[in-house]
Amino acid sequence: MHVSPLVNIIKKRRETLQVTQEMLSELSGVGLRTVRQFESGKGNPTVETLQKMADVLGLEVSLKVKELSEQL
């Protein structure tokens, strides 16, 4: 999964709200290492993990699935 735009959105929102990575970790229940790896583009979080972080930041996560035939 290509998450670069998602990383940018979550990181920018976190910074706008002046929430540290440590605060996001504590408030969302997501490990600090996971938050740091995600923001550095090295992590591959589950949808559940993304939802937990998004909830804290007041964001909504939606998943759009296209049929394989549309991608060819």
N, C-alpha and C. Protein backbone atom coordinates (compact mmCIF):
# COMPACT_ATOMS: atom_id res chain seq x y z
N MET A 1 0.84 -1.18 0.00
CA MET A 1 0.00 0.00 0.00
C MET A 1 0.88 1.24 0.00
N HIS A 2 0.57 2.18 -0.86
CA HIS A 2 1.31 3.43 -0.93
C HIS A 2 0.66 4.42 0.03
N VAL A 3 1.36 4.76 1.11
CA VAL A 3 0.76 5.59 2.15
C VAL A 3 1.32 6.99 2.23
N SER A 4 2.20 7.37 1.35
CA SER A 4 2.85 8.68 1.46
C SER A 4 1.88 9.84 1.64
N PRO A 5 0.83 9.98 0.82
CA PRO A 5 -0.11 11.09 1.05
C PRO A 5 -0.79 10.98 2.42
N LEU A 6 -1.08 9.78 2.83
CA LEU A 6 -1.71 9.56 4.13
C LEU A 6 -0.76 9.94 5.26
N VAL A 7 0.49 9.60 5.13
CA VAL A 7 1.49 9.99 6.12
C VAL A 7 1.53 11.51 6.24
N ASN A 8 1.57 12.18 5.12
CA ASN A 8 1.63 13.65 5.12
C ASN A 8 0.40 14.27 5.78
N ILE A 9 -0.76 13.74 5.50
CA ILE A 9 -1.99 14.27 6.07
C ILE A 9 -2.00 14.12 7.59
N ILE A 10 -1.69 12.92 8.06
CA ILE A 10 -1.71 12.66 9.50
C ILE A 10 -0.64 13.47 10.22
N LYS A 11 0.55 13.52 9.65
CA LYS A 11 1.63 14.27 10.30
C LYS A 11 1.31 15.76 10.34
N LYS A 12 0.81 16.30 9.24
CA LYS A 12 0.49 17.73 9.20
C LYS A 12 -0.62 18.06 10.19
N ARG A 13 -1.64 17.22 10.26
CA ARG A 13 -2.75 17.44 11.20
C ARG A 13 -2.23 17.39 12.64
N ARG A 14 -1.37 16.42 12.94
CA ARG A 14 -0.80 16.29 14.27
C ARG A 14 -0.03 17.55 14.65
N GLU A 15 0.77 18.04 13.72
CA GLU A 15 1.56 19.24 13.97
C GLU A 15 0.67 20.48 14.10
N THR A 16 -0.37 20.57 13.28
CA THR A 16 -1.30 21.70 13.35
C THR A 16 -1.97 21.77 14.72
N LEU A 17 -2.32 20.60 15.25
CA LEU A 17 -2.97 20.53 16.56
C LEU A 17 -1.96 20.60 17.71
N GLN A 18 -0.69 20.68 17.36
CA GLN A 18 0.39 20.72 18.34
C GLN A 18 0.38 19.49 19.25
N VAL A 19 0.17 18.35 18.62
CA VAL A 19 0.19 17.06 19.31
C VAL A 19 1.53 16.41 18.99
N THR A 20 2.27 16.05 20.01
CA THR A 20 3.55 15.38 19.79
C THR A 20 3.30 13.92 19.42
N GLN A 21 4.31 13.28 18.90
CA GLN A 21 4.21 11.85 18.61
C GLN A 21 3.91 11.08 19.88
N GLU A 22 4.52 11.50 20.97
CA GLU A 22 4.30 10.84 22.26
C GLU A 22 2.84 10.97 22.70
N MET A 23 2.28 12.17 22.53
CA MET A 23 0.88 12.39 22.89
C MET A 23 -0.05 11.55 22.01
N LEU A 24 0.24 11.52 20.71
CA LEU A 24 -0.57 10.74 19.80
C LEU A 24 -0.53 9.27 20.18
N SER A 25 0.63 8.79 20.51
CA SER A 25 0.78 7.40 20.93
C SER A 25 -0.06 7.11 22.17
N GLU A 26 0.06 7.96 23.15
CA GLU A 26 -0.67 7.76 24.41
C GLU A 26 -2.18 7.85 24.22
N LEU A 27 -2.63 8.87 23.51
CA LEU A 27 -4.07 9.08 23.33
C LEU A 27 -4.73 8.03 22.44
N SER A 28 -3.98 7.52 21.47
CA SER A 28 -4.55 6.55 20.52
C SER A 28 -4.35 5.10 20.95
N GLY A 29 -3.42 4.87 21.86
CA GLY A 29 -3.13 3.50 22.24
C GLY A 29 -2.23 2.79 21.24
N VAL A 30 -1.64 3.56 20.34
CA VAL A 30 -0.72 3.02 19.33
C VAL A 30 0.69 3.22 19.86
N GLY A 31 1.52 2.23 19.74
CA GLY A 31 2.88 2.32 20.25
C GLY A 31 3.66 3.48 19.63
N LEU A 32 4.51 4.10 20.44
CA LEU A 32 5.31 5.22 19.96
C LEU A 32 6.18 4.80 18.78
N ARG A 33 6.75 3.63 18.84
CA ARG A 33 7.58 3.15 17.74
C ARG A 33 6.77 3.06 16.44
N THR A 34 5.53 2.60 16.56
CA THR A 34 4.65 2.50 15.39
C THR A 34 4.36 3.87 14.80
N VAL A 35 4.07 4.84 15.67
CA VAL A 35 3.81 6.21 15.21
C VAL A 35 5.03 6.75 14.49
N ARG A 36 6.19 6.58 15.08
CA ARG A 36 7.43 7.10 14.48
C ARG A 36 7.73 6.42 13.15
N GLN A 37 7.57 5.10 13.09
CA GLN A 37 7.83 4.39 11.84
C GLN A 37 6.85 4.83 10.75
N PHE A 38 5.59 5.00 11.13
CA PHE A 38 4.59 5.43 10.17
C PHE A 38 4.94 6.80 9.59
N GLU A 39 5.26 7.74 10.46
CA GLU A 39 5.56 9.10 9.99
C GLU A 39 6.86 9.17 9.19
N SER A 40 7.74 8.23 9.40
CA SER A 40 8.98 8.23 8.62
C SER A 40 8.82 7.45 7.32
N GLY A 41 7.64 6.89 7.10
CA GLY A 41 7.37 6.14 5.88
C GLY A 41 7.89 4.73 5.89
N LYS A 42 8.34 4.26 7.05
CA LYS A 42 8.90 2.92 7.15
C LYS A 42 7.91 1.89 7.66
N GLY A 43 6.83 2.37 8.24
CA GLY A 43 5.85 1.45 8.81
C GLY A 43 4.76 1.09 7.83
N ASN A 44 4.04 0.04 8.14
CA ASN A 44 2.90 -0.41 7.33
C ASN A 44 1.77 -0.73 8.30
N PRO A 45 1.12 0.32 8.83
CA PRO A 45 0.11 0.10 9.86
C PRO A 45 -1.16 -0.53 9.31
N THR A 46 -1.88 -1.19 10.20
CA THR A 46 -3.16 -1.76 9.82
C THR A 46 -4.19 -0.63 9.71
N VAL A 47 -5.31 -0.93 9.10
CA VAL A 47 -6.39 0.05 8.99
C VAL A 47 -6.87 0.42 10.40
N GLU A 48 -6.90 -0.55 11.29
CA GLU A 48 -7.31 -0.29 12.68
C GLU A 48 -6.37 0.71 13.34
N THR A 49 -5.08 0.56 13.13
CA THR A 49 -4.09 1.48 13.71
C THR A 49 -4.26 2.87 13.13
N LEU A 50 -4.44 2.95 11.82
CA LEU A 50 -4.69 4.25 11.18
C LEU A 50 -5.93 4.91 11.74
N GLN A 51 -6.98 4.11 11.97
CA GLN A 51 -8.23 4.65 12.50
C GLN A 51 -8.04 5.20 13.90
N LYS A 52 -7.27 4.53 14.72
CA LYS A 52 -7.01 4.99 16.08
C LYS A 52 -6.31 6.35 16.07
N MET A 53 -5.31 6.50 15.22
CA MET A 53 -4.60 7.78 15.14
C MET A 53 -5.51 8.86 14.57
N ALA A 54 -6.26 8.51 13.54
CA ALA A 54 -7.16 9.47 12.91
C ALA A 54 -8.23 9.96 13.89
N ASP A 55 -8.75 9.07 14.70
CA ASP A 55 -9.77 9.44 15.68
C ASP A 55 -9.25 10.52 16.62
N VAL A 56 -8.04 10.35 17.10
CA VAL A 56 -7.44 11.33 18.01
C VAL A 56 -7.29 12.68 17.33
N LEU A 57 -6.98 12.66 16.04
CA LEU A 57 -6.72 13.89 15.29
C LEU A 57 -7.96 14.47 14.62
N GLY A 58 -9.10 13.84 14.84
CA GLY A 58 -10.34 14.35 14.25
C GLY A 58 -10.42 14.14 12.75
N LEU A 59 -9.79 13.07 12.28
CA LEU A 59 -9.82 12.74 10.85
C LEU A 59 -10.68 11.51 10.62
N GLU A 60 -11.12 11.34 9.39
CA GLU A 60 -11.92 10.17 9.02
C GLU A 60 -11.13 9.34 8.02
N VAL A 61 -11.09 8.05 8.26
CA VAL A 61 -10.41 7.13 7.35
C VAL A 61 -11.47 6.40 6.54
N SER A 62 -11.29 6.41 5.23
CA SER A 62 -12.19 5.64 4.38
C SER A 62 -11.34 4.82 3.41
N LEU A 63 -11.84 3.68 3.08
CA LEU A 63 -11.13 2.76 2.20
C LEU A 63 -11.93 2.61 0.91
N LYS A 64 -11.29 2.89 -0.20
CA LYS A 64 -11.95 2.77 -1.49
C LYS A 64 -11.32 1.60 -2.23
N VAL A 65 -12.15 0.66 -2.61
CA VAL A 65 -11.67 -0.53 -3.30
C VAL A 65 -12.22 -0.51 -4.72
N LYS A 66 -11.31 -0.62 -5.67
CA LYS A 66 -11.72 -0.68 -7.07
C LYS A 66 -11.67 -2.12 -7.55
N GLU A 67 -12.52 -2.41 -8.50
CA GLU A 67 -12.48 -3.75 -9.10
C GLU A 67 -11.20 -3.88 -9.91
N LEU A 68 -10.66 -5.06 -9.95
CA LEU A 68 -9.41 -5.32 -10.67
C LEU A 68 -9.54 -4.92 -12.13
N SER A 69 -10.69 -5.13 -12.75
CA SER A 69 -10.85 -4.81 -14.16
C SER A 69 -10.70 -3.31 -14.43
N GLU A 70 -11.02 -2.47 -13.44
CA GLU A 70 -10.87 -1.03 -13.61
C GLU A 70 -9.41 -0.60 -13.58
N GLN A 71 -8.56 -1.40 -12.96
CA GLN A 71 -7.16 -1.05 -12.82
C GLN A 71 -6.32 -1.49 -14.02
N LEU A 72 -6.87 -2.34 -14.84
CA LEU A 72 -6.10 -2.87 -15.98
C LEU A 72 -6.17 -1.99 -17.18
